[in-house]
Amino acid sequence: MLTINVSEKLESRFHELAKEIGEDETSLIKKAFFELMEDMEDTRDGLEALKEMEISGEKKTYSMEEVEQELRETHVEH
């Protein structure tokens, strides 16, 4: 179990928002926490990959379009 301390103003804003959107406060906090963790892990993984790329001297990067095209070409069903 986690406990956080927030200002009364922030807590009030949170209660009002939860009420307005009809969401359970605990569910909202769990969703927000999960999304934050996902974002933090993605950032960590990206920074680690960048560091490895710098150490190896590899300079080539690929756009999302190039990656998607490569995946389509290599995963074509026969």
C-alpha atoms as a PDB file:
ATOM      1  CA  MET A   1       0.000   0.000   0.000  1.00  0.00           C
ATOM      2  CA  LEU A   2       1.223   3.478  -0.887  1.00  0.00           C
ATOM      3  CA  THR A   3       0.340   6.712   0.824  1.00  0.00           C
ATOM      4  CA  ILE A   4       0.906  10.168  -0.626  1.00  0.00           C
ATOM      5  CA  ASN A   5       0.481  13.626   0.794  1.00  0.00           C
ATOM      6  CA  VAL A   6      -0.897  16.313  -1.498  1.00  0.00           C
ATOM      7  CA  SER A   7      -2.090  19.827  -0.918  1.00  0.00           C
ATOM      8  CA  GLU A   8      -5.721  20.345  -0.008  1.00  0.00           C
ATOM      9  CA  LYS A   9      -6.166  22.258  -3.261  1.00  0.00           C
ATOM     10  CA  LEU A  10      -4.885  19.341  -5.352  1.00  0.00           C
ATOM     11  CA  GLU A  11      -6.957  16.850  -3.388  1.00  0.00           C
ATOM     12  CA  SER A  12     -10.058  18.977  -3.884  1.00  0.00           C
ATOM     13  CA  ARG A  13      -9.406  19.256  -7.616  1.00  0.00           C
ATOM     14  CA  PHE A  14      -8.977  15.480  -7.801  1.00  0.00           C
ATOM     15  CA  HIS A  15     -12.228  14.757  -5.919  1.00  0.00           C
ATOM     16  CA  GLU A  16     -14.139  17.160  -8.165  1.00  0.00           C
ATOM     17  CA  LEU A  17     -12.691  15.704 -11.347  1.00  0.00           C
ATOM     18  CA  ALA A  18     -13.447  12.141 -10.269  1.00  0.00           C
ATOM     19  CA  LYS A  19     -17.011  13.153  -9.497  1.00  0.00           C
ATOM     20  CA  GLU A  20     -17.404  15.005 -12.811  1.00  0.00           C
ATOM     21  CA  ILE A  21     -16.251  12.081 -14.914  1.00  0.00           C
ATOM     22  CA  GLY A  22     -17.975   9.489 -12.761  1.00  0.00           C
ATOM     23  CA  GLU A  23     -14.847   7.495 -11.997  1.00  0.00           C
ATOM     24  CA  ASP A  24     -13.875   5.794  -8.785  1.00  0.00           C
ATOM     25  CA  GLU A  25     -10.994   7.711  -7.193  1.00  0.00           C
ATOM     26  CA  THR A  26      -8.967   4.605  -6.451  1.00  0.00           C
ATOM     27  CA  SER A  27      -9.299   3.427 -10.052  1.00  0.00           C
ATOM     28  CA  LEU A  28      -8.184   6.817 -11.332  1.00  0.00           C
ATOM     29  CA  ILE A  29      -5.121   6.793  -9.113  1.00  0.00           C
ATOM     30  CA  LYS A  30      -4.232   3.241 -10.167  1.00  0.00           C
ATOM     31  CA  LYS A  31      -4.581   4.156 -13.861  1.00  0.00           C
ATOM     32  CA  ALA A  32      -2.485   7.297 -13.463  1.00  0.00           C
ATOM     33  CA  PHE A  33       0.183   5.458 -11.503  1.00  0.00           C
ATOM     34  CA  PHE A  34       0.322   2.652 -14.072  1.00  0.00           C
ATOM     35  CA  GLU A  35       0.637   5.123 -16.958  1.00  0.00           C
ATOM     36  CA  LEU A  36       3.356   7.045 -15.127  1.00  0.00           C
ATOM     37  CA  MET A  37       5.299   3.831 -14.503  1.00  0.00           C
ATOM     38  CA  GLU A  38       4.965   2.825 -18.162  1.00  0.00           C
ATOM     39  CA  ASP A  39       6.238   6.236 -19.280  1.00  0.00           C
ATOM     40  CA  MET A  40       9.144   6.136 -16.841  1.00  0.00           C
ATOM     41  CA  GLU A  41      10.121   2.621 -17.961  1.00  0.00           C
ATOM     42  CA  ASP A  42       9.937   3.661 -21.626  1.00  0.00           C
ATOM     43  CA  THR A  43      12.162   6.658 -20.898  1.00  0.00           C
ATOM     44  CA  ARG A  44      14.644   4.492 -18.993  1.00  0.00           C
ATOM     45  CA  ASP A  45      14.744   1.922 -21.798  1.00  0.00           C
ATOM     46  CA  GLY A  46      15.202   4.613 -24.438  1.00  0.00           C
ATOM     47  CA  LEU A  47      18.042   6.233 -22.521  1.00  0.00           C
ATOM     48  CA  GLU A  48      19.734   2.856 -22.039  1.00  0.00           C
ATOM     49  CA  ALA A  49      19.445   2.140 -25.770  1.00  0.00           C
ATOM     50  CA  LEU A  50      20.860   5.563 -26.585  1.00  0.00           C
ATOM     51  CA  LYS A  51      23.767   5.006 -24.208  1.00  0.00           C
ATOM     52  CA  GLU A  52      24.493   1.595 -25.769  1.00  0.00           C
ATOM     53  CA  MET A  53      24.346   3.147 -29.225  1.00  0.00           C
ATOM     54  CA  GLU A  54      26.810   5.863 -28.217  1.00  0.00           C
ATOM     55  CA  ILE A  55      29.184   3.327 -26.618  1.00  0.00           C
ATOM     56  CA  SER A  56      29.115   1.059 -29.670  1.00  0.00           C
ATOM     57  CA  GLY A  57      29.686   3.983 -32.023  1.00  0.00           C
ATOM     58  CA  GLU A  58      26.590   3.073 -34.008  1.00  0.00           C
ATOM     59  CA  LYS A  59      25.188   6.205 -35.589  1.00  0.00           C
ATOM     60  CA  LYS A  60      22.430   4.842 -37.816  1.00  0.00           C
ATOM     61  CA  THR A  61      18.889   5.382 -36.627  1.00  0.00           C
ATOM     62  CA  TYR A  62      15.625   4.354 -38.249  1.00  0.00           C
ATOM     63  CA  SER A  63      12.341   6.182 -38.641  1.00  0.00           C
ATOM     64  CA  MET A  64       9.108   4.507 -37.595  1.00  0.00           C
ATOM     65  CA  GLU A  65       8.198   4.180 -41.273  1.00  0.00           C
ATOM     66  CA  GLU A  66      11.462   2.336 -42.005  1.00  0.00           C
ATOM     67  CA  VAL A  67      10.892  -0.036 -39.091  1.00  0.00           C
ATOM     68  CA  GLU A  68       7.287  -0.727 -40.124  1.00  0.00           C
ATOM     69  CA  GLN A  69       8.368  -1.371 -43.736  1.00  0.00           C
ATOM     70  CA  GLU A  70      11.108  -3.767 -42.593  1.00  0.00           C
ATOM     71  CA  LEU A  71       8.638  -5.621 -40.388  1.00  0.00           C
ATOM     72  CA  ARG A  72       6.139  -5.923 -43.237  1.00  0.00           C
ATOM     73  CA  GLU A  73       8.832  -7.256 -45.564  1.00  0.00           C
ATOM     74  CA  THR A  74      10.233  -9.799 -43.108  1.00  0.00           C
ATOM     75  CA  HIS A  75       6.906 -11.041 -41.777  1.00  0.00           C
ATOM     76  CA  VAL A  76       5.072 -11.623 -45.046  1.00  0.00           C
ATOM     77  CA  GLU A  77       3.095 -14.864 -44.884  1.00  0.00           C
ATOM     78  CA  HIS A  78       3.903 -17.331 -47.655  1.00  0.00           C
END
